[in-house]
Amino acid sequence: MILNVALVVLAYLLGSIPSAVWIGKRFYGVDVREHGSKNAGATNTLRVLGRRAAAPVFIIDLLKGFCAVVLFNFSTFTADAHDLFIFKIVLAVAAVLGHIFPVFAKFKGGKGVATFAGAILAIYTSALLCSLGVFMIVFLLFNYVSLGSIMAGITFPLFLIFVFKENSGLAIFFGCLASVLLLFTHRKNIKRIFKGTESKVYPFKGIGTKIKGWFSKK
């Protein structure tokens, strides 16, 4: 029991690693929480500091969630698959809470989307990859990271139920909970999207400009 509690605390501490804050301050002298949307996540880092800074932030945040769930391998749960699944969810939630309320950054973090994605990747790899596909399509079409995240969250439980034929009530509840949490954390973004004031992100804009430049030279 003590070991399991310690693993939950460790999952929270993993989630609390403020990659956006540390990378922004160490390499750019900028606290991303003071600019843009003021969130300490990969999206705001991309908006404020660009792709080179956002890429490692996203990877680290994803790994935080993934590694937190993998900690279940050290738990004292053995044969009971139901208890093990619940413990995985607890570890995932602990990591996400760590990202949102990081002890290493005065409890001012981000929305936890990448960390939550990493956690789900460790639990439901195939369904998560499908949802990431939805995210990329929506993002490339509309250039809203928030809209892509929302649609990925909405489709995740649908993939679980209709594509992967998940029949566990607990698993379906978890998928729906993940969807609702994403909607809740993006409620302000939803309002801005309807008002037309949500910021767009063009991660490939510079690449497109370079390609046009090559053709113009020829």
C-alpha atoms as a PDB file:
ATOM      1  CA  MET A   1       0.000   0.000   0.000  1.00  0.00           C
ATOM      2  CA  ILE A   2       2.777   2.435   0.926  1.00  0.00           C
ATOM      3  CA  LEU A   3       4.569   1.641  -2.329  1.00  0.00           C
ATOM      4  CA  ASN A   4       1.434   2.339  -4.374  1.00  0.00           C
ATOM      5  CA  VAL A   5       0.924   5.695  -2.654  1.00  0.00           C
ATOM      6  CA  ALA A   6       4.572   6.551  -3.319  1.00  0.00           C
ATOM      7  CA  LEU A   7       4.074   5.726  -7.014  1.00  0.00           C
ATOM      8  CA  VAL A   8       1.094   8.082  -7.200  1.00  0.00           C
ATOM      9  CA  VAL A   9       3.184  10.857  -5.622  1.00  0.00           C
ATOM     10  CA  LEU A  10       5.981  10.106  -8.098  1.00  0.00           C
ATOM     11  CA  ALA A  11       3.493  10.297 -10.984  1.00  0.00           C
ATOM     12  CA  TYR A  12       2.425  13.730  -9.738  1.00  0.00           C
ATOM     13  CA  LEU A  13       6.061  14.854  -9.492  1.00  0.00           C
ATOM     14  CA  LEU A  14       6.709  13.625 -13.034  1.00  0.00           C
ATOM     15  CA  GLY A  15       3.734  15.618 -14.234  1.00  0.00           C
ATOM     16  CA  SER A  16       5.010  18.641 -12.320  1.00  0.00           C
ATOM     17  CA  ILE A  17       8.155  18.932 -14.447  1.00  0.00           C
ATOM     18  CA  PRO A  18       7.458  22.360 -16.049  1.00  0.00           C
ATOM     19  CA  SER A  19       9.193  21.768 -19.373  1.00  0.00           C
ATOM     20  CA  ALA A  20       7.732  24.877 -21.026  1.00  0.00           C
ATOM     21  CA  VAL A  21       8.782  27.102 -18.130  1.00  0.00           C
ATOM     22  CA  TRP A  22      12.272  25.660 -17.751  1.00  0.00           C
ATOM     23  CA  ILE A  23      13.081  25.591 -21.469  1.00  0.00           C
ATOM     24  CA  GLY A  24      11.647  29.062 -22.001  1.00  0.00           C
ATOM     25  CA  LYS A  25      13.617  30.592 -19.135  1.00  0.00           C
ATOM     26  CA  ARG A  26      16.854  28.651 -19.658  1.00  0.00           C
ATOM     27  CA  PHE A  27      17.270  29.054 -23.417  1.00  0.00           C
ATOM     28  CA  TYR A  28      15.150  32.109 -24.278  1.00  0.00           C
ATOM     29  CA  GLY A  29      14.948  34.120 -21.077  1.00  0.00           C
ATOM     30  CA  VAL A  30      11.152  34.057 -21.374  1.00  0.00           C
ATOM     31  CA  ASP A  31       8.456  32.773 -19.031  1.00  0.00           C
ATOM     32  CA  VAL A  32       5.749  31.594 -21.427  1.00  0.00           C
ATOM     33  CA  ARG A  33       3.176  32.030 -18.648  1.00  0.00           C
ATOM     34  CA  GLU A  34       3.535  35.786 -19.102  1.00  0.00           C
ATOM     35  CA  HIS A  35       2.782  35.760 -22.824  1.00  0.00           C
ATOM     36  CA  GLY A  36       0.199  34.458 -25.280  1.00  0.00           C
ATOM     37  CA  SER A  37      -2.462  32.371 -23.593  1.00  0.00           C
ATOM     38  CA  LYS A  38      -0.290  32.311 -20.441  1.00  0.00           C
ATOM     39  CA  ASN A  39      -0.392  28.498 -20.349  1.00  0.00           C
ATOM     40  CA  ALA A  40       2.768  26.508 -19.681  1.00  0.00           C
ATOM     41  CA  GLY A  41       2.280  24.022 -22.493  1.00  0.00           C
ATOM     42  CA  ALA A  42       3.539  23.121 -25.950  1.00  0.00           C
ATOM     43  CA  THR A  43       0.880  25.137 -27.803  1.00  0.00           C
ATOM     44  CA  ASN A  44       1.657  28.406 -26.069  1.00  0.00           C
ATOM     45  CA  THR A  45       5.377  27.697 -26.367  1.00  0.00           C
ATOM     46  CA  LEU A  46       4.876  27.283 -30.119  1.00  0.00           C
ATOM     47  CA  ARG A  47       2.942  30.541 -30.235  1.00  0.00           C
ATOM     48  CA  VAL A  48       5.482  32.496 -28.169  1.00  0.00           C
ATOM     49  CA  LEU A  49       8.858  30.891 -28.932  1.00  0.00           C
ATOM     50  CA  GLY A  50       8.370  28.864 -32.110  1.00  0.00           C
ATOM     51  CA  ARG A  51       8.781  25.264 -33.276  1.00  0.00           C
ATOM     52  CA  ARG A  52      12.312  24.740 -31.996  1.00  0.00           C
ATOM     53  CA  ALA A  53      11.218  25.396 -28.418  1.00  0.00           C
ATOM     54  CA  ALA A  54       7.780  23.768 -28.688  1.00  0.00           C
ATOM     55  CA  ALA A  55       8.996  20.394 -30.015  1.00  0.00           C
ATOM     56  CA  PRO A  56      10.996  19.345 -26.914  1.00  0.00           C
ATOM     57  CA  VAL A  57       8.258  20.727 -24.649  1.00  0.00           C
ATOM     58  CA  PHE A  58       5.654  18.561 -26.376  1.00  0.00           C
ATOM     59  CA  ILE A  59       7.864  15.447 -26.271  1.00  0.00           C
ATOM     60  CA  ILE A  60       8.696  15.901 -22.581  1.00  0.00           C
ATOM     61  CA  ASP A  61       5.057  16.552 -21.656  1.00  0.00           C
ATOM     62  CA  LEU A  62       3.969  13.470 -23.600  1.00  0.00           C
ATOM     63  CA  LEU A  63       6.619  11.334 -21.897  1.00  0.00           C
ATOM     64  CA  LYS A  64       5.563  12.617 -18.469  1.00  0.00           C
ATOM     65  CA  GLY A  65       2.123  11.050 -18.888  1.00  0.00           C
ATOM     66  CA  PHE A  66       3.425   7.894 -20.518  1.00  0.00           C
ATOM     67  CA  CYS A  67       6.102   7.240 -17.882  1.00  0.00           C
ATOM     68  CA  ALA A  68       3.679   7.998 -15.055  1.00  0.00           C
ATOM     69  CA  VAL A  69       1.331   5.215 -16.194  1.00  0.00           C
ATOM     70  CA  VAL A  70       4.233   2.817 -16.791  1.00  0.00           C
ATOM     71  CA  LEU A  71       4.953   3.116 -13.062  1.00  0.00           C
ATOM     72  CA  PHE A  72       2.146   0.579 -12.585  1.00  0.00           C
ATOM     73  CA  ASN A  73       4.783  -2.083 -13.309  1.00  0.00           C
ATOM     74  CA  PHE A  74       6.228  -1.410  -9.865  1.00  0.00           C
ATOM     75  CA  SER A  75       2.890  -1.585  -8.042  1.00  0.00           C
ATOM     76  CA  THR A  76       1.860  -4.352  -5.676  1.00  0.00           C
ATOM     77  CA  PHE A  77      -1.226  -5.221  -7.764  1.00  0.00           C
ATOM     78  CA  THR A  78      -0.934  -8.660  -9.341  1.00  0.00           C
ATOM     79  CA  ALA A  79      -3.824 -10.754 -10.624  1.00  0.00           C
ATOM     80  CA  ASP A  80      -6.736  -8.326 -10.337  1.00  0.00           C
ATOM     81  CA  ALA A  81      -6.963  -6.647 -13.757  1.00  0.00           C
ATOM     82  CA  HIS A  82      -9.752  -4.349 -12.571  1.00  0.00           C
ATOM     83  CA  ASP A  83      -7.651  -2.925  -9.727  1.00  0.00           C
ATOM     84  CA  LEU A  84      -4.672  -2.574 -12.038  1.00  0.00           C
ATOM     85  CA  PHE A  85      -6.720  -0.628 -14.585  1.00  0.00           C
ATOM     86  CA  ILE A  86      -8.027   1.710 -11.893  1.00  0.00           C
ATOM     87  CA  PHE A  87      -4.476   2.253 -10.649  1.00  0.00           C
ATOM     88  CA  LYS A  88      -3.364   3.175 -14.178  1.00  0.00           C
ATOM     89  CA  ILE A  89      -6.117   5.797 -14.288  1.00  0.00           C
ATOM     90  CA  VAL A  90      -5.058   7.136 -10.879  1.00  0.00           C
ATOM     91  CA  LEU A  91      -1.463   7.466 -12.112  1.00  0.00           C
ATOM     92  CA  ALA A  92      -2.658   9.221 -15.274  1.00  0.00           C
ATOM     93  CA  VAL A  93      -4.785  11.681 -13.310  1.00  0.00           C
ATOM     94  CA  ALA A  94      -1.908  12.339 -10.881  1.00  0.00           C
ATOM     95  CA  ALA A  95       0.421  13.197 -13.779  1.00  0.00           C
ATOM     96  CA  VAL A  96      -2.138  15.518 -15.410  1.00  0.00           C
ATOM     97  CA  LEU A  97      -2.802  17.276 -12.100  1.00  0.00           C
ATOM     98  CA  GLY A  98       0.951  17.679 -11.734  1.00  0.00           C
ATOM     99  CA  HIS A  99       1.108  19.378 -15.125  1.00  0.00           C
ATOM    100  CA  ILE A 100      -1.821  21.689 -14.355  1.00  0.00           C
ATOM    101  CA  PHE A 101      -0.643  22.431 -10.793  1.00  0.00           C
ATOM    102  CA  PRO A 102       3.151  21.865 -10.885  1.00  0.00           C
ATOM    103  CA  VAL A 103       4.853  21.964  -7.511  1.00  0.00           C
ATOM    104  CA  PHE A 104       8.099  22.984  -9.257  1.00  0.00           C
ATOM    105  CA  ALA A 105       6.520  26.080 -10.864  1.00  0.00           C
ATOM    106  CA  LYS A 106       4.386  27.616  -8.104  1.00  0.00           C
ATOM    107  CA  PHE A 107       1.377  25.520  -9.167  1.00  0.00           C
ATOM    108  CA  LYS A 108       0.918  27.516 -12.390  1.00  0.00           C
ATOM    109  CA  GLY A 109       1.040  25.065 -15.295  1.00  0.00           C
ATOM    110  CA  GLY A 110      -0.762  24.234 -18.518  1.00  0.00           C
ATOM    111  CA  LYS A 111      -3.891  22.389 -19.583  1.00  0.00           C
ATOM    112  CA  GLY A 112      -2.323  18.938 -19.547  1.00  0.00           C
ATOM    113  CA  VAL A 113      -3.383  17.845 -23.049  1.00  0.00           C
ATOM    114  CA  ALA A 114       0.004  16.425 -24.096  1.00  0.00           C
ATOM    115  CA  THR A 115       0.540  14.805 -20.688  1.00  0.00           C
ATOM    116  CA  PHE A 116      -2.926  13.264 -20.802  1.00  0.00           C
ATOM    117  CA  ALA A 117      -2.254  12.041 -24.347  1.00  0.00           C
ATOM    118  CA  GLY A 118       0.941  10.367 -23.150  1.00  0.00           C
ATOM    119  CA  ALA A 119      -0.947   8.674 -20.331  1.00  0.00           C
ATOM    120  CA  ILE A 120      -3.657   7.406 -22.677  1.00  0.00           C
ATOM    121  CA  LEU A 121      -0.958   6.245 -25.093  1.00  0.00           C
ATOM    122  CA  ALA A 122       0.249   3.882 -22.374  1.00  0.00           C
ATOM    123  CA  ILE A 123      -3.294   2.611 -21.712  1.00  0.00           C
ATOM    124  CA  TYR A 124      -5.033   2.643 -25.121  1.00  0.00           C
ATOM    125  CA  THR A 125      -2.344   3.038 -27.781  1.00  0.00           C
ATOM    126  CA  SER A 126      -4.451   2.307 -30.882  1.00  0.00           C
ATOM    127  CA  ALA A 127      -7.417   4.494 -29.899  1.00  0.00           C
ATOM    128  CA  LEU A 128      -5.107   7.357 -28.964  1.00  0.00           C
ATOM    129  CA  LEU A 129      -3.294   7.175 -32.318  1.00  0.00           C
ATOM    130  CA  CYS A 130      -6.651   7.382 -34.104  1.00  0.00           C
ATOM    131  CA  SER A 131      -7.568  10.446 -32.057  1.00  0.00           C
ATOM    132  CA  LEU A 132      -4.198  12.006 -32.856  1.00  0.00           C
ATOM    133  CA  GLY A 133      -5.034  11.474 -36.523  1.00  0.00           C
ATOM    134  CA  VAL A 134      -8.257  13.431 -35.981  1.00  0.00           C
ATOM    135  CA  PHE A 135      -6.278  16.157 -34.232  1.00  0.00           C
ATOM    136  CA  MET A 136      -3.855  16.519 -37.143  1.00  0.00           C
ATOM    137  CA  ILE A 137      -6.630  16.655 -39.756  1.00  0.00           C
ATOM    138  CA  VAL A 138      -8.616  19.299 -37.861  1.00  0.00           C
ATOM    139  CA  PHE A 139      -5.495  21.296 -37.035  1.00  0.00           C
ATOM    140  CA  LEU A 140      -4.220  21.307 -40.620  1.00  0.00           C
ATOM    141  CA  LEU A 141      -7.663  22.314 -41.925  1.00  0.00           C
ATOM    142  CA  PHE A 142      -8.422  25.094 -39.441  1.00  0.00           C
ATOM    143  CA  ASN A 143      -5.069  25.927 -37.758  1.00  0.00           C
ATOM    144  CA  TYR A 144      -6.646  25.826 -34.284  1.00  0.00           C
ATOM    145  CA  VAL A 145      -4.702  23.637 -31.863  1.00  0.00           C
ATOM    146  CA  SER A 146      -7.557  23.932 -29.375  1.00  0.00           C
ATOM    147  CA  LEU A 147     -10.164  22.762 -31.896  1.00  0.00           C
ATOM    148  CA  GLY A 148      -7.975  19.812 -32.870  1.00  0.00           C
ATOM    149  CA  SER A 149      -7.561  18.867 -29.206  1.00  0.00           C
ATOM    150  CA  ILE A 150     -11.308  19.146 -28.581  1.00  0.00           C
ATOM    151  CA  MET A 151     -12.210  16.976 -31.572  1.00  0.00           C
ATOM    152  CA  ALA A 152      -9.562  14.410 -30.619  1.00  0.00           C
ATOM    153  CA  GLY A 153     -11.068  14.255 -27.131  1.00  0.00           C
ATOM    154  CA  ILE A 154     -14.617  13.874 -28.435  1.00  0.00           C
ATOM    155  CA  THR A 155     -13.694  11.089 -30.851  1.00  0.00           C
ATOM    156  CA  PHE A 156     -11.577   9.127 -28.363  1.00  0.00           C
ATOM    157  CA  PRO A 157     -14.486   7.350 -26.594  1.00  0.00           C
ATOM    158  CA  LEU A 158     -16.155   6.842 -29.997  1.00  0.00           C
ATOM    159  CA  PHE A 159     -13.084   5.003 -31.254  1.00  0.00           C
ATOM    160  CA  LEU A 160     -13.056   2.913 -28.081  1.00  0.00           C
ATOM    161  CA  ILE A 161     -16.699   1.886 -28.454  1.00  0.00           C
ATOM    162  CA  PHE A 162     -17.300   1.603 -32.202  1.00  0.00           C
ATOM    163  CA  VAL A 163     -13.878   0.798 -33.661  1.00  0.00           C
ATOM    164  CA  PHE A 164     -12.147  -1.214 -30.954  1.00  0.00           C
ATOM    165  CA  LYS A 165     -15.369  -2.706 -29.528  1.00  0.00           C
ATOM    166  CA  GLU A 166     -14.501  -1.939 -25.915  1.00  0.00           C
ATOM    167  CA  ASN A 167     -17.190  -3.452 -23.674  1.00  0.00           C
ATOM    168  CA  SER A 168     -15.788  -2.593 -20.247  1.00  0.00           C
ATOM    169  CA  GLY A 169     -18.038  -0.065 -18.542  1.00  0.00           C
ATOM    170  CA  LEU A 170     -15.097   1.300 -16.580  1.00  0.00           C
ATOM    171  CA  ALA A 171     -13.012   1.774 -19.728  1.00  0.00           C
ATOM    172  CA  ILE A 172     -15.868   3.533 -21.526  1.00  0.00           C
ATOM    173  CA  PHE A 173     -16.438   5.751 -18.507  1.00  0.00           C
ATOM    174  CA  PHE A 174     -12.747   6.662 -18.517  1.00  0.00           C
ATOM    175  CA  GLY A 175     -12.890   7.524 -22.220  1.00  0.00           C
ATOM    176  CA  CYS A 176     -15.954   9.721 -21.728  1.00  0.00           C
ATOM    177  CA  LEU A 177     -14.366  11.348 -18.675  1.00  0.00           C
ATOM    178  CA  ALA A 178     -11.281  12.192 -20.732  1.00  0.00           C
ATOM    179  CA  SER A 179     -13.521  13.783 -23.356  1.00  0.00           C
ATOM    180  CA  VAL A 180     -15.447  15.846 -20.791  1.00  0.00           C
ATOM    181  CA  LEU A 181     -12.226  17.006 -19.094  1.00  0.00           C
ATOM    182  CA  LEU A 182     -10.832  18.226 -22.414  1.00  0.00           C
ATOM    183  CA  LEU A 183     -14.027  20.148 -23.110  1.00  0.00           C
ATOM    184  CA  PHE A 184     -13.903  21.668 -19.622  1.00  0.00           C
ATOM    185  CA  THR A 185     -10.271  22.769 -19.832  1.00  0.00           C
ATOM    186  CA  HIS A 186     -10.915  24.282 -23.273  1.00  0.00           C
ATOM    187  CA  ARG A 187     -14.161  26.081 -22.385  1.00  0.00           C
ATOM    188  CA  LYS A 188     -12.543  29.515 -22.857  1.00  0.00           C
ATOM    189  CA  ASN A 189     -11.086  28.422 -26.194  1.00  0.00           C
ATOM    190  CA  ILE A 190     -14.525  27.282 -27.328  1.00  0.00           C
ATOM    191  CA  LYS A 191     -15.956  30.710 -26.563  1.00  0.00           C
ATOM    192  CA  ARG A 192     -13.119  32.398 -28.483  1.00  0.00           C
ATOM    193  CA  ILE A 193     -13.607  30.087 -31.471  1.00  0.00           C
ATOM    194  CA  PHE A 194     -17.286  31.068 -31.698  1.00  0.00           C
ATOM    195  CA  LYS A 195     -16.349  34.746 -31.320  1.00  0.00           C
ATOM    196  CA  GLY A 196     -13.632  34.416 -33.938  1.00  0.00           C
ATOM    197  CA  THR A 197     -10.921  35.620 -31.555  1.00  0.00           C
ATOM    198  CA  GLU A 198      -9.080  32.327 -30.989  1.00  0.00           C
ATOM    199  CA  SER A 199      -5.428  32.485 -32.042  1.00  0.00           C
ATOM    200  CA  LYS A 200      -4.412  30.389 -35.020  1.00  0.00           C
ATOM    201  CA  VAL A 201      -1.087  28.585 -35.275  1.00  0.00           C
ATOM    202  CA  TYR A 202       0.796  28.086 -38.544  1.00  0.00           C
ATOM    203  CA  PRO A 203       3.645  25.686 -37.724  1.00  0.00           C
ATOM    204  CA  PHE A 204       4.496  25.084 -41.385  1.00  0.00           C
ATOM    205  CA  LYS A 205       4.232  28.688 -42.550  1.00  0.00           C
ATOM    206  CA  GLY A 206       7.988  29.164 -42.664  1.00  0.00           C
ATOM    207  CA  ILE A 207       8.449  25.943 -44.632  1.00  0.00           C
ATOM    208  CA  GLY A 208       5.852  27.070 -47.170  1.00  0.00           C
ATOM    209  CA  THR A 209       7.629  30.386 -47.600  1.00  0.00           C
ATOM    210  CA  LYS A 210      10.949  28.617 -48.207  1.00  0.00           C
ATOM    211  CA  ILE A 211       9.405  26.320 -50.825  1.00  0.00           C
ATOM    212  CA  LYS A 212       7.898  29.309 -52.634  1.00  0.00           C
ATOM    213  CA  GLY A 213      11.310  30.980 -52.519  1.00  0.00           C
ATOM    214  CA  TRP A 214      12.995  27.965 -54.119  1.00  0.00           C
ATOM    215  CA  PHE A 215      10.499  27.945 -56.997  1.00  0.00           C
ATOM    216  CA  SER A 216      10.793  31.704 -57.529  1.00  0.00           C
ATOM    217  CA  LYS A 217      14.591  31.386 -57.803  1.00  0.00           C
ATOM    218  CA  LYS A 218      14.212  28.710 -60.447  1.00  0.00           C
END
